[in-house]
Amino acid sequence: MKSLFYLLLTLLLTSCIAINVNDYEFLNYAEKEYLRPYKASTDHEIGDNSACFKLYEINTPEVKSITRENEFTWVHIWLPFCPNESCQNIAQYEWLEKRHQSKGLNLAFISATYDIDDIIKIVQHSKFTKPVYVLQNSYYGRKNKKIRTKFHSEIDPNYEEEDPIFHSDYLFIKDSLVYFVNNMNDSIIESHSMKSIN
């Protein structure tokens, strides 16, 4: 009975550890073949994900280069392991971007983890056509909370370390962060797109 208790305790602890990391260390050689540097994303052609999926590693300076290159940028941090509809049906993000394309909205879609199997399955099922980025392990490290803290603190000049909330959506006008939230929607984009025009 004691050994069963220790076995269950060990399983519980190891599963908690695995949940709190970005899964880079668990990638096998074949899965690492999907990874590409951020600069390779410039060669990505729309619709390229179904035939030849690639996951582009990105860090904060590269995210900032995307925001500088575009008038109006929406950065979405995605959790591919999340079972919610908003995480599984990622086509909705592309549709939202398309509805606001006339305002110059550009979506940067970034996975918080290296869950390759889930990412490929969801991207292909949703027929997602944009490049999919992942927060770069060598830049942010492997622990999810540290990754999100570093990302948010580098993106938001007003970040306070005590802030326990991690947002999934960030809106930029050029390289200035103007809004962050957990569920981007039409009205938020609409109200901030007016600021990008002025």
N, C-alpha and C. Protein backbone atom coordinates (compact mmCIF):
# COMPACT_ATOMS: atom_id res chain seq x y z
N MET A 1 0.82 -1.19 0.00
CA MET A 1 0.00 0.00 0.00
C MET A 1 0.87 1.26 0.00
N LYS A 2 1.96 1.23 0.78
CA LYS A 2 2.87 2.37 0.83
C LYS A 2 3.52 2.63 -0.53
N SER A 3 3.90 1.55 -1.20
CA SER A 3 4.55 1.71 -2.51
C SER A 3 3.56 2.29 -3.53
N LEU A 4 2.30 1.91 -3.44
CA LEU A 4 1.29 2.47 -4.34
C LEU A 4 1.15 3.98 -4.09
N PHE A 5 1.16 4.37 -2.85
CA PHE A 5 1.08 5.79 -2.48
C PHE A 5 2.26 6.56 -3.08
N TYR A 6 3.47 6.02 -2.93
CA TYR A 6 4.66 6.70 -3.46
C TYR A 6 4.64 6.75 -4.98
N LEU A 7 4.14 5.71 -5.59
CA LEU A 7 4.03 5.68 -7.05
C LEU A 7 3.07 6.77 -7.51
N LEU A 8 1.91 6.87 -6.89
CA LEU A 8 0.93 7.89 -7.25
C LEU A 8 1.47 9.30 -6.99
N LEU A 9 2.16 9.46 -5.89
CA LEU A 9 2.75 10.75 -5.57
C LEU A 9 3.80 11.15 -6.61
N THR A 10 4.61 10.22 -7.01
CA THR A 10 5.63 10.46 -8.03
C THR A 10 4.98 10.85 -9.36
N LEU A 11 3.95 10.13 -9.76
CA LEU A 11 3.24 10.44 -11.00
C LEU A 11 2.63 11.84 -10.95
N LEU A 12 2.04 12.17 -9.84
CA LEU A 12 1.43 13.49 -9.68
C LEU A 12 2.48 14.58 -9.79
N LEU A 13 3.58 14.44 -9.10
CA LEU A 13 4.63 15.46 -9.13
C LEU A 13 5.25 15.61 -10.51
N THR A 14 5.51 14.51 -11.18
CA THR A 14 6.11 14.60 -12.52
C THR A 14 5.14 15.20 -13.52
N SER A 15 3.85 14.93 -13.38
CA SER A 15 2.89 15.53 -14.30
C SER A 15 2.80 17.03 -14.06
N CYS A 16 2.88 17.48 -12.83
CA CYS A 16 2.86 18.92 -12.54
C CYS A 16 4.09 19.59 -13.12
N ILE A 17 5.22 18.95 -13.04
CA ILE A 17 6.45 19.52 -13.60
C ILE A 17 6.32 19.63 -15.11
N ALA A 18 5.79 18.60 -15.77
CA ALA A 18 5.64 18.62 -17.22
C ALA A 18 4.65 19.68 -17.66
N ILE A 19 3.63 19.95 -16.87
CA ILE A 19 2.64 20.96 -17.22
C ILE A 19 3.24 22.36 -17.15
N ASN A 20 4.20 22.58 -16.31
CA ASN A 20 4.74 23.91 -16.08
C ASN A 20 5.95 24.25 -16.94
N VAL A 21 6.22 23.46 -17.96
CA VAL A 21 7.34 23.74 -18.86
C VAL A 21 6.83 23.85 -20.29
N ASN A 22 7.67 24.38 -21.17
CA ASN A 22 7.27 24.61 -22.55
C ASN A 22 7.40 23.38 -23.46
N ASP A 23 7.85 22.26 -22.95
CA ASP A 23 7.97 20.98 -23.67
C ASP A 23 9.10 20.90 -24.68
N TYR A 24 9.96 21.91 -24.77
CA TYR A 24 11.08 21.84 -25.70
C TYR A 24 11.95 20.62 -25.42
N GLU A 25 12.23 20.37 -24.17
CA GLU A 25 13.13 19.28 -23.80
C GLU A 25 12.59 17.90 -24.14
N PHE A 26 11.27 17.81 -24.40
CA PHE A 26 10.66 16.53 -24.74
C PHE A 26 10.58 16.28 -26.24
N LEU A 27 11.02 17.25 -27.05
CA LEU A 27 10.97 17.08 -28.50
C LEU A 27 11.99 16.03 -28.93
N ASN A 28 11.58 15.16 -29.83
CA ASN A 28 12.53 14.22 -30.40
C ASN A 28 13.14 14.83 -31.67
N TYR A 29 14.06 14.12 -32.26
CA TYR A 29 14.77 14.64 -33.43
C TYR A 29 13.80 14.99 -34.56
N ALA A 30 12.85 14.10 -34.84
CA ALA A 30 11.89 14.33 -35.92
C ALA A 30 11.04 15.58 -35.66
N GLU A 31 10.64 15.79 -34.41
CA GLU A 31 9.82 16.97 -34.07
C GLU A 31 10.64 18.25 -34.19
N LYS A 32 11.91 18.20 -33.86
CA LYS A 32 12.76 19.39 -33.99
C LYS A 32 12.95 19.80 -35.45
N GLU A 33 12.71 18.87 -36.35
CA GLU A 33 12.81 19.19 -37.79
C GLU A 33 11.75 20.21 -38.22
N TYR A 34 10.67 20.35 -37.47
CA TYR A 34 9.63 21.33 -37.78
C TYR A 34 10.04 22.75 -37.40
N LEU A 35 11.04 22.88 -36.53
CA LEU A 35 11.44 24.20 -36.02
C LEU A 35 12.30 24.95 -37.04
N ARG A 36 12.01 26.24 -37.13
CA ARG A 36 12.77 27.12 -38.01
C ARG A 36 13.00 28.43 -37.28
N PRO A 37 14.07 29.15 -37.64
CA PRO A 37 14.28 30.47 -37.04
C PRO A 37 13.24 31.47 -37.56
N TYR A 38 13.03 32.51 -36.80
CA TYR A 38 12.05 33.54 -37.16
C TYR A 38 12.25 34.04 -38.59
N LYS A 39 13.49 34.31 -38.98
CA LYS A 39 13.75 34.89 -40.30
C LYS A 39 13.22 34.03 -41.44
N ALA A 40 13.12 32.72 -41.22
CA ALA A 40 12.60 31.84 -42.26
C ALA A 40 11.10 32.05 -42.48
N SER A 41 10.42 32.70 -41.55
CA SER A 41 8.98 32.92 -41.70
C SER A 41 8.67 33.87 -42.85
N THR A 42 9.64 34.66 -43.27
CA THR A 42 9.40 35.56 -44.40
C THR A 42 9.16 34.78 -45.69
N ASP A 43 9.61 33.53 -45.74
CA ASP A 43 9.39 32.67 -46.91
C ASP A 43 8.07 31.92 -46.84
N HIS A 44 7.35 32.03 -45.71
CA HIS A 44 6.09 31.31 -45.53
C HIS A 44 5.04 31.86 -46.50
N GLU A 45 4.42 30.96 -47.24
CA GLU A 45 3.35 31.35 -48.14
C GLU A 45 2.02 30.99 -47.50
N ILE A 46 1.05 31.88 -47.65
CA ILE A 46 -0.27 31.64 -47.07
C ILE A 46 -0.80 30.31 -47.59
N GLY A 47 -1.30 29.48 -46.68
CA GLY A 47 -1.82 28.17 -47.03
C GLY A 47 -0.77 27.08 -46.91
N ASP A 48 0.44 27.44 -46.57
CA ASP A 48 1.59 26.54 -46.52
C ASP A 48 1.49 25.52 -45.38
N ASN A 49 0.63 25.73 -44.38
CA ASN A 49 0.62 24.90 -43.19
C ASN A 49 0.13 23.48 -43.40
N SER A 50 -0.79 23.27 -44.33
CA SER A 50 -1.33 21.93 -44.48
C SER A 50 -0.34 20.97 -45.14
N ALA A 51 0.42 21.46 -46.10
CA ALA A 51 1.34 20.59 -46.82
C ALA A 51 2.70 20.47 -46.15
N CYS A 52 3.18 21.57 -45.60
CA CYS A 52 4.55 21.59 -45.11
C CYS A 52 4.65 22.47 -43.87
N PHE A 53 4.18 21.97 -42.75
CA PHE A 53 4.13 22.77 -41.52
C PHE A 53 5.53 23.07 -40.99
N LYS A 54 5.71 24.32 -40.55
CA LYS A 54 6.93 24.76 -39.87
C LYS A 54 6.51 25.59 -38.66
N LEU A 55 7.29 25.52 -37.59
CA LEU A 55 7.05 26.29 -36.38
C LEU A 55 8.24 27.23 -36.22
N TYR A 56 7.97 28.53 -36.28
CA TYR A 56 9.03 29.53 -36.29
C TYR A 56 9.30 30.05 -34.88
N GLU A 57 10.53 29.88 -34.40
CA GLU A 57 10.90 30.34 -33.07
C GLU A 57 11.08 31.86 -33.09
N ILE A 58 10.51 32.51 -32.06
CA ILE A 58 10.51 33.97 -32.03
C ILE A 58 10.82 34.47 -30.62
N ASN A 59 11.46 35.63 -30.54
CA ASN A 59 11.75 36.25 -29.24
C ASN A 59 11.22 37.68 -29.25
N THR A 60 11.35 38.37 -28.16
CA THR A 60 10.77 39.71 -28.04
C THR A 60 11.31 40.70 -29.07
N PRO A 61 12.62 40.79 -29.30
CA PRO A 61 13.09 41.73 -30.34
C PRO A 61 12.47 41.43 -31.71
N GLU A 62 12.25 40.16 -32.02
CA GLU A 62 11.63 39.81 -33.31
C GLU A 62 10.15 40.16 -33.32
N VAL A 63 9.45 39.98 -32.20
CA VAL A 63 8.05 40.41 -32.10
C VAL A 63 7.99 41.92 -32.32
N LYS A 64 8.91 42.64 -31.71
CA LYS A 64 8.93 44.09 -31.87
C LYS A 64 9.23 44.50 -33.32
N SER A 65 10.02 43.70 -34.03
CA SER A 65 10.27 44.02 -35.44
C SER A 65 9.00 43.84 -36.26
N ILE A 66 8.17 42.86 -35.92
CA ILE A 66 6.88 42.69 -36.60
C ILE A 66 6.00 43.91 -36.35
N THR A 67 5.96 44.38 -35.10
CA THR A 67 5.10 45.52 -34.79
C THR A 67 5.60 46.80 -35.46
N ARG A 68 6.90 46.95 -35.60
CA ARG A 68 7.45 48.14 -36.28
C ARG A 68 7.13 48.12 -37.77
N GLU A 69 7.10 46.93 -38.35
CA GLU A 69 6.88 46.81 -39.80
C GLU A 69 5.42 46.98 -40.19
N ASN A 70 4.51 46.89 -39.23
CA ASN A 70 3.08 46.97 -39.52
C ASN A 70 2.45 48.14 -38.77
N GLU A 71 1.46 48.73 -39.39
CA GLU A 71 0.78 49.87 -38.77
C GLU A 71 -0.01 49.45 -37.54
N PHE A 72 -0.65 48.28 -37.60
CA PHE A 72 -1.59 47.85 -36.56
C PHE A 72 -1.41 46.34 -36.39
N THR A 73 -0.87 45.90 -35.24
CA THR A 73 -0.53 44.49 -35.03
C THR A 73 -1.24 43.92 -33.82
N TRP A 74 -1.75 42.73 -33.99
CA TRP A 74 -2.36 41.98 -32.90
C TRP A 74 -1.48 40.76 -32.66
N VAL A 75 -0.89 40.66 -31.47
CA VAL A 75 -0.08 39.52 -31.07
C VAL A 75 -0.95 38.63 -30.18
N HIS A 76 -1.13 37.39 -30.61
CA HIS A 76 -1.91 36.44 -29.80
C HIS A 76 -0.99 35.34 -29.29
N ILE A 77 -0.96 35.14 -27.96
CA ILE A 77 -0.21 34.05 -27.35
C ILE A 77 -1.17 32.89 -27.14
N TRP A 78 -0.88 31.78 -27.79
CA TRP A 78 -1.77 30.62 -27.86
C TRP A 78 -1.27 29.49 -26.97
N LEU A 79 -2.20 28.79 -26.35
CA LEU A 79 -1.89 27.61 -25.53
C LEU A 79 -2.45 26.38 -26.23
N PRO A 80 -1.66 25.68 -27.03
CA PRO A 80 -2.19 24.57 -27.81
C PRO A 80 -2.70 23.39 -26.99
N PHE A 81 -2.27 23.28 -25.74
CA PHE A 81 -2.73 22.17 -24.89
C PHE A 81 -4.09 22.47 -24.25
N CYS A 82 -4.56 23.69 -24.35
CA CYS A 82 -5.82 24.12 -23.75
C CYS A 82 -7.00 23.48 -24.49
N PRO A 83 -7.95 22.87 -23.76
CA PRO A 83 -9.07 22.18 -24.41
C PRO A 83 -10.22 23.11 -24.82
N ASN A 84 -10.19 24.38 -24.43
CA ASN A 84 -11.28 25.30 -24.76
C ASN A 84 -11.43 25.47 -26.27
N GLU A 85 -12.63 25.78 -26.68
CA GLU A 85 -12.92 26.03 -28.09
C GLU A 85 -12.03 27.14 -28.65
N SER A 86 -11.77 28.16 -27.85
CA SER A 86 -10.94 29.28 -28.32
C SER A 86 -9.50 28.86 -28.60
N CYS A 87 -9.05 27.76 -28.00
CA CYS A 87 -7.70 27.26 -28.26
C CYS A 87 -7.68 26.22 -29.37
N GLN A 88 -8.78 25.54 -29.55
CA GLN A 88 -8.85 24.45 -30.53
C GLN A 88 -9.27 24.93 -31.92
N ASN A 89 -10.16 25.91 -31.99
CA ASN A 89 -10.63 26.43 -33.27
C ASN A 89 -9.90 27.73 -33.58
N ILE A 90 -8.67 27.61 -34.03
CA ILE A 90 -7.84 28.81 -34.21
C ILE A 90 -8.16 29.57 -35.49
N ALA A 91 -8.99 29.01 -36.35
CA ALA A 91 -9.40 29.73 -37.55
C ALA A 91 -10.10 31.04 -37.19
N GLN A 92 -10.73 31.09 -36.02
CA GLN A 92 -11.43 32.30 -35.59
C GLN A 92 -10.49 33.51 -35.51
N TYR A 93 -9.21 33.28 -35.21
CA TYR A 93 -8.26 34.38 -35.12
C TYR A 93 -7.96 34.95 -36.51
N GLU A 94 -7.85 34.06 -37.46
CA GLU A 94 -7.61 34.49 -38.83
C GLU A 94 -8.85 35.23 -39.38
N TRP A 95 -10.04 34.75 -39.06
CA TRP A 95 -11.27 35.41 -39.50
C TRP A 95 -11.36 36.82 -38.93
N LEU A 96 -11.02 36.96 -37.64
CA LEU A 96 -11.05 38.27 -36.99
C LEU A 96 -10.05 39.22 -37.67
N GLU A 97 -8.88 38.71 -37.97
CA GLU A 97 -7.89 39.52 -38.68
C GLU A 97 -8.44 39.95 -40.04
N LYS A 98 -9.05 39.02 -40.79
CA LYS A 98 -9.56 39.33 -42.14
C LYS A 98 -10.67 40.37 -42.09
N ARG A 99 -11.52 40.31 -41.06
CA ARG A 99 -12.60 41.30 -40.92
C ARG A 99 -12.04 42.71 -40.73
N HIS A 100 -10.83 42.83 -40.24
CA HIS A 100 -10.23 44.14 -39.97
C HIS A 100 -9.01 44.41 -40.84
N GLN A 101 -8.89 43.67 -41.92
CA GLN A 101 -7.75 43.84 -42.81
C GLN A 101 -7.72 45.23 -43.44
N SER A 102 -8.90 45.78 -43.71
CA SER A 102 -8.96 47.11 -44.32
C SER A 102 -8.38 48.18 -43.39
N LYS A 103 -8.31 47.88 -42.11
CA LYS A 103 -7.73 48.82 -41.14
C LYS A 103 -6.23 48.57 -40.96
N GLY A 104 -5.70 47.58 -41.70
CA GLY A 104 -4.27 47.28 -41.63
C GLY A 104 -3.88 46.32 -40.53
N LEU A 105 -4.86 45.59 -39.96
CA LEU A 105 -4.55 44.68 -38.87
C LEU A 105 -3.72 43.50 -39.35
N ASN A 106 -2.65 43.20 -38.63
CA ASN A 106 -1.79 42.06 -38.91
C ASN A 106 -1.71 41.19 -37.66
N LEU A 107 -1.98 39.89 -37.81
CA LEU A 107 -1.96 38.95 -36.69
C LEU A 107 -0.61 38.23 -36.62
N ALA A 108 0.01 38.25 -35.44
CA ALA A 108 1.19 37.42 -35.15
C ALA A 108 0.71 36.36 -34.16
N PHE A 109 0.65 35.12 -34.60
CA PHE A 109 0.09 34.01 -33.83
C PHE A 109 1.22 33.19 -33.21
N ILE A 110 1.33 33.22 -31.87
CA ILE A 110 2.50 32.66 -31.19
C ILE A 110 2.09 31.61 -30.17
N SER A 111 2.63 30.41 -30.31
CA SER A 111 2.40 29.36 -29.32
C SER A 111 3.31 29.58 -28.11
N ALA A 112 2.74 29.34 -26.94
CA ALA A 112 3.53 29.46 -25.72
C ALA A 112 4.35 28.21 -25.45
N THR A 113 4.04 27.11 -26.14
CA THR A 113 4.72 25.84 -25.90
C THR A 113 5.09 25.15 -27.21
N TYR A 114 5.92 24.13 -27.08
CA TYR A 114 6.38 23.33 -28.22
C TYR A 114 5.59 22.03 -28.35
N ASP A 115 4.31 22.02 -28.11
CA ASP A 115 3.48 20.81 -28.21
C ASP A 115 3.22 20.50 -29.68
N ILE A 116 4.25 20.00 -30.37
CA ILE A 116 4.22 19.83 -31.82
C ILE A 116 3.01 19.03 -32.31
N ASP A 117 2.73 17.89 -31.71
CA ASP A 117 1.61 17.07 -32.18
C ASP A 117 0.29 17.83 -32.10
N ASP A 118 0.04 18.48 -30.96
CA ASP A 118 -1.19 19.26 -30.81
C ASP A 118 -1.22 20.43 -31.78
N ILE A 119 -0.10 21.11 -31.92
CA ILE A 119 -0.03 22.28 -32.81
C ILE A 119 -0.37 21.88 -34.24
N ILE A 120 0.28 20.84 -34.74
CA ILE A 120 0.03 20.41 -36.13
C ILE A 120 -1.42 19.99 -36.31
N LYS A 121 -1.93 19.19 -35.38
CA LYS A 121 -3.32 18.71 -35.49
C LYS A 121 -4.29 19.89 -35.53
N ILE A 122 -4.13 20.84 -34.62
CA ILE A 122 -5.05 21.98 -34.54
C ILE A 122 -4.91 22.90 -35.75
N VAL A 123 -3.68 23.20 -36.15
CA VAL A 123 -3.44 24.07 -37.30
C VAL A 123 -4.05 23.47 -38.56
N GLN A 124 -3.85 22.18 -38.78
CA GLN A 124 -4.39 21.55 -39.98
C GLN A 124 -5.90 21.39 -39.91
N HIS A 125 -6.44 21.05 -38.75
CA HIS A 125 -7.89 20.91 -38.61
C HIS A 125 -8.59 22.26 -38.83
N SER A 126 -7.98 23.33 -38.35
CA SER A 126 -8.56 24.67 -38.48
C SER A 126 -8.26 25.31 -39.84
N LYS A 127 -7.42 24.64 -40.64
CA LYS A 127 -7.00 25.19 -41.93
C LYS A 127 -6.37 26.59 -41.77
N PHE A 128 -5.59 26.72 -40.71
CA PHE A 128 -4.91 27.98 -40.41
C PHE A 128 -3.81 28.20 -41.42
N THR A 129 -3.74 29.38 -42.03
CA THR A 129 -2.80 29.59 -43.13
C THR A 129 -1.61 30.50 -42.78
N LYS A 130 -1.70 31.22 -41.69
CA LYS A 130 -0.63 32.16 -41.32
C LYS A 130 0.55 31.41 -40.70
N PRO A 131 1.72 32.06 -40.64
CA PRO A 131 2.83 31.43 -39.93
C PRO A 131 2.48 31.25 -38.45
N VAL A 132 2.96 30.16 -37.86
CA VAL A 132 2.77 29.91 -36.44
C VAL A 132 4.15 30.01 -35.80
N TYR A 133 4.24 30.89 -34.80
CA TYR A 133 5.48 31.11 -34.08
C TYR A 133 5.41 30.41 -32.73
N VAL A 134 6.56 30.24 -32.10
CA VAL A 134 6.63 29.71 -30.74
C VAL A 134 7.64 30.56 -29.97
N LEU A 135 7.33 30.83 -28.70
CA LEU A 135 8.26 31.60 -27.87
C LEU A 135 9.55 30.80 -27.70
N GLN A 136 10.63 31.35 -28.16
CA GLN A 136 11.93 30.67 -28.31
C GLN A 136 12.52 30.21 -26.98
N ASN A 137 12.73 28.92 -26.86
CA ASN A 137 13.27 28.30 -25.65
C ASN A 137 14.63 28.88 -25.27
N SER A 138 15.51 29.04 -26.23
CA SER A 138 16.86 29.52 -25.90
C SER A 138 16.87 30.98 -25.42
N TYR A 139 15.81 31.72 -25.69
CA TYR A 139 15.72 33.11 -25.25
C TYR A 139 14.97 33.23 -23.92
N TYR A 140 13.84 32.51 -23.79
CA TYR A 140 12.97 32.66 -22.63
C TYR A 140 13.19 31.61 -21.54
N GLY A 141 13.79 30.49 -21.89
CA GLY A 141 13.90 29.40 -20.93
C GLY A 141 12.74 28.43 -21.07
N ARG A 142 12.61 27.50 -20.13
CA ARG A 142 11.65 26.41 -20.28
C ARG A 142 10.42 26.49 -19.39
N LYS A 143 10.46 27.29 -18.33
CA LYS A 143 9.34 27.34 -17.38
C LYS A 143 8.30 28.36 -17.83
N ASN A 144 7.06 27.89 -17.94
CA ASN A 144 5.99 28.72 -18.50
C ASN A 144 5.80 30.06 -17.80
N LYS A 145 5.80 30.07 -16.49
CA LYS A 145 5.57 31.34 -15.78
C LYS A 145 6.71 32.32 -16.05
N LYS A 146 7.94 31.84 -16.06
CA LYS A 146 9.08 32.72 -16.34
C LYS A 146 9.03 33.23 -17.79
N ILE A 147 8.60 32.37 -18.70
CA ILE A 147 8.49 32.75 -20.10
C ILE A 147 7.49 33.89 -20.24
N ARG A 148 6.30 33.70 -19.68
CA ARG A 148 5.25 34.72 -19.80
C ARG A 148 5.64 36.01 -19.08
N THR A 149 6.29 35.90 -17.92
CA THR A 149 6.72 37.09 -17.19
C THR A 149 7.74 37.88 -18.01
N LYS A 150 8.72 37.18 -18.57
CA LYS A 150 9.75 37.85 -19.38
C LYS A 150 9.12 38.48 -20.62
N PHE A 151 8.25 37.73 -21.30
CA PHE A 151 7.60 38.26 -22.50
C PHE A 151 6.82 39.53 -22.16
N HIS A 152 5.95 39.44 -21.16
CA HIS A 152 5.11 40.59 -20.82
C HIS A 152 5.95 41.78 -20.36
N SER A 153 6.97 41.54 -19.56
CA SER A 153 7.79 42.65 -19.06
C SER A 153 8.56 43.33 -20.20
N GLU A 154 8.94 42.58 -21.23
CA GLU A 154 9.67 43.17 -22.35
C GLU A 154 8.74 43.85 -23.35
N ILE A 155 7.50 43.40 -23.41
CA ILE A 155 6.52 43.97 -24.33
C ILE A 155 5.88 45.23 -23.76
N ASP A 156 5.60 45.21 -22.46
CA ASP A 156 4.87 46.29 -21.81
C ASP A 156 5.82 47.15 -20.96
N PRO A 157 6.09 48.38 -21.38
CA PRO A 157 7.00 49.23 -20.61
C PRO A 157 6.48 49.59 -19.22
N ASN A 158 5.19 49.43 -18.98
CA ASN A 158 4.59 49.74 -17.68
C ASN A 158 4.37 48.50 -16.82
N TYR A 159 4.98 47.40 -17.21
CA TYR A 159 4.80 46.14 -16.50
C TYR A 159 5.28 46.25 -15.05
N GLU A 160 4.47 45.70 -14.14
CA GLU A 160 4.86 45.64 -12.73
C GLU A 160 4.99 44.17 -12.34
N GLU A 161 6.08 43.83 -11.74
CA GLU A 161 6.39 42.43 -11.43
C GLU A 161 5.32 41.75 -10.59
N GLU A 162 4.59 42.50 -9.78
CA GLU A 162 3.58 41.90 -8.91
C GLU A 162 2.33 41.50 -9.70
N ASP A 163 2.20 41.97 -10.93
CA ASP A 163 1.02 41.68 -11.74
C ASP A 163 0.93 40.19 -12.04
N PRO A 164 -0.04 39.48 -11.46
CA PRO A 164 -0.13 38.03 -11.67
C PRO A 164 -0.86 37.64 -12.95
N ILE A 165 -1.43 38.61 -13.65
CA ILE A 165 -2.25 38.31 -14.82
C ILE A 165 -1.37 38.24 -16.06
N PHE A 166 -1.54 37.18 -16.81
CA PHE A 166 -0.84 37.04 -18.08
C PHE A 166 -1.88 37.13 -19.18
N HIS A 167 -1.66 38.02 -20.09
CA HIS A 167 -2.64 38.26 -21.15
C HIS A 167 -2.29 37.44 -22.38
N SER A 168 -3.31 37.16 -23.18
CA SER A 168 -3.08 36.38 -24.39
C SER A 168 -3.10 37.25 -25.64
N ASP A 169 -3.63 38.47 -25.53
CA ASP A 169 -3.76 39.32 -26.71
C ASP A 169 -3.18 40.70 -26.45
N TYR A 170 -2.37 41.16 -27.41
CA TYR A 170 -1.70 42.45 -27.31
C TYR A 170 -1.93 43.21 -28.61
N LEU A 171 -2.35 44.47 -28.52
CA LEU A 171 -2.54 45.31 -29.70
C LEU A 171 -1.47 46.39 -29.74
N PHE A 172 -0.88 46.57 -30.90
CA PHE A 172 0.16 47.57 -31.10
C PHE A 172 -0.22 48.50 -32.24
N ILE A 173 0.08 49.78 -32.07
CA ILE A 173 0.09 50.72 -33.18
C ILE A 173 1.56 51.01 -33.38
N LYS A 174 2.04 50.59 -34.56
CA LYS A 174 3.49 50.55 -34.82
C LYS A 174 4.14 49.77 -33.68
N ASP A 175 5.13 50.34 -33.01
CA ASP A 175 5.80 49.58 -31.95
C ASP A 175 5.34 49.98 -30.55
N SER A 176 4.19 50.64 -30.46
CA SER A 176 3.65 51.04 -29.16
C SER A 176 2.50 50.12 -28.75
N LEU A 177 2.64 49.50 -27.59
CA LEU A 177 1.56 48.69 -27.04
C LEU A 177 0.44 49.62 -26.61
N VAL A 178 -0.77 49.39 -27.15
CA VAL A 178 -1.90 50.26 -26.81
C VAL A 178 -2.96 49.55 -25.97
N TYR A 179 -2.96 48.20 -25.99
CA TYR A 179 -4.01 47.48 -25.27
C TYR A 179 -3.59 46.03 -25.10
N PHE A 180 -3.97 45.44 -23.95
CA PHE A 180 -3.82 43.99 -23.79
C PHE A 180 -5.02 43.47 -23.04
N VAL A 181 -5.39 42.23 -23.39
CA VAL A 181 -6.63 41.63 -22.89
C VAL A 181 -6.51 40.11 -23.04
N ASN A 182 -7.47 39.39 -22.51
CA ASN A 182 -7.46 37.93 -22.67
C ASN A 182 -8.38 37.42 -23.76
N ASN A 183 -9.28 38.22 -24.26
CA ASN A 183 -10.17 37.79 -25.34
C ASN A 183 -10.38 38.93 -26.32
N MET A 184 -9.60 38.95 -27.38
CA MET A 184 -9.72 40.00 -28.38
C MET A 184 -11.07 39.85 -29.09
N ASN A 185 -11.65 41.01 -29.45
CA ASN A 185 -12.92 40.96 -30.18
C ASN A 185 -13.02 42.16 -31.12
N ASP A 186 -14.08 42.16 -31.93
CA ASP A 186 -14.27 43.20 -32.94
C ASP A 186 -14.30 44.60 -32.35
N SER A 187 -15.02 44.78 -31.24
CA SER A 187 -15.17 46.14 -30.70
C SER A 187 -13.83 46.69 -30.19
N ILE A 188 -13.00 45.84 -29.60
CA ILE A 188 -11.68 46.30 -29.13
C ILE A 188 -10.83 46.72 -30.32
N ILE A 189 -10.81 45.89 -31.34
CA ILE A 189 -10.01 46.21 -32.53
C ILE A 189 -10.54 47.48 -33.18
N GLU A 190 -11.86 47.57 -33.30
CA GLU A 190 -12.49 48.74 -33.92
C GLU A 190 -12.11 50.03 -33.18
N SER A 191 -12.21 50.02 -31.87
CA SER A 191 -11.93 51.24 -31.11
C SER A 191 -10.45 51.64 -31.20
N HIS A 192 -9.56 50.68 -31.28
CA HIS A 192 -8.13 51.00 -31.35
C HIS A 192 -7.65 51.24 -32.78
N SER A 193 -8.38 50.74 -33.76
CA SER A 193 -7.98 50.98 -35.16
C SER A 193 -8.15 52.45 -35.48
N MET A 194 -9.11 53.11 -34.85
CA MET A 194 -9.30 54.55 -35.07
C MET A 194 -8.06 55.33 -34.61
N LYS A 195 -7.42 54.85 -33.55
CA LYS A 195 -6.21 55.51 -33.06
C LYS A 195 -5.07 55.35 -34.05
N SER A 196 -5.03 54.21 -34.76
CA SER A 196 -3.93 53.99 -35.70
C SER A 196 -4.09 54.87 -36.94
N ILE A 197 -5.34 55.24 -37.25
CA ILE A 197 -5.60 56.09 -38.41
C ILE A 197 -5.22 57.53 -38.09
N ASN A 198 -5.45 57.96 -36.86
CA ASN A 198 -5.21 59.36 -36.47
C ASN A 198 -3.75 59.66 -36.30
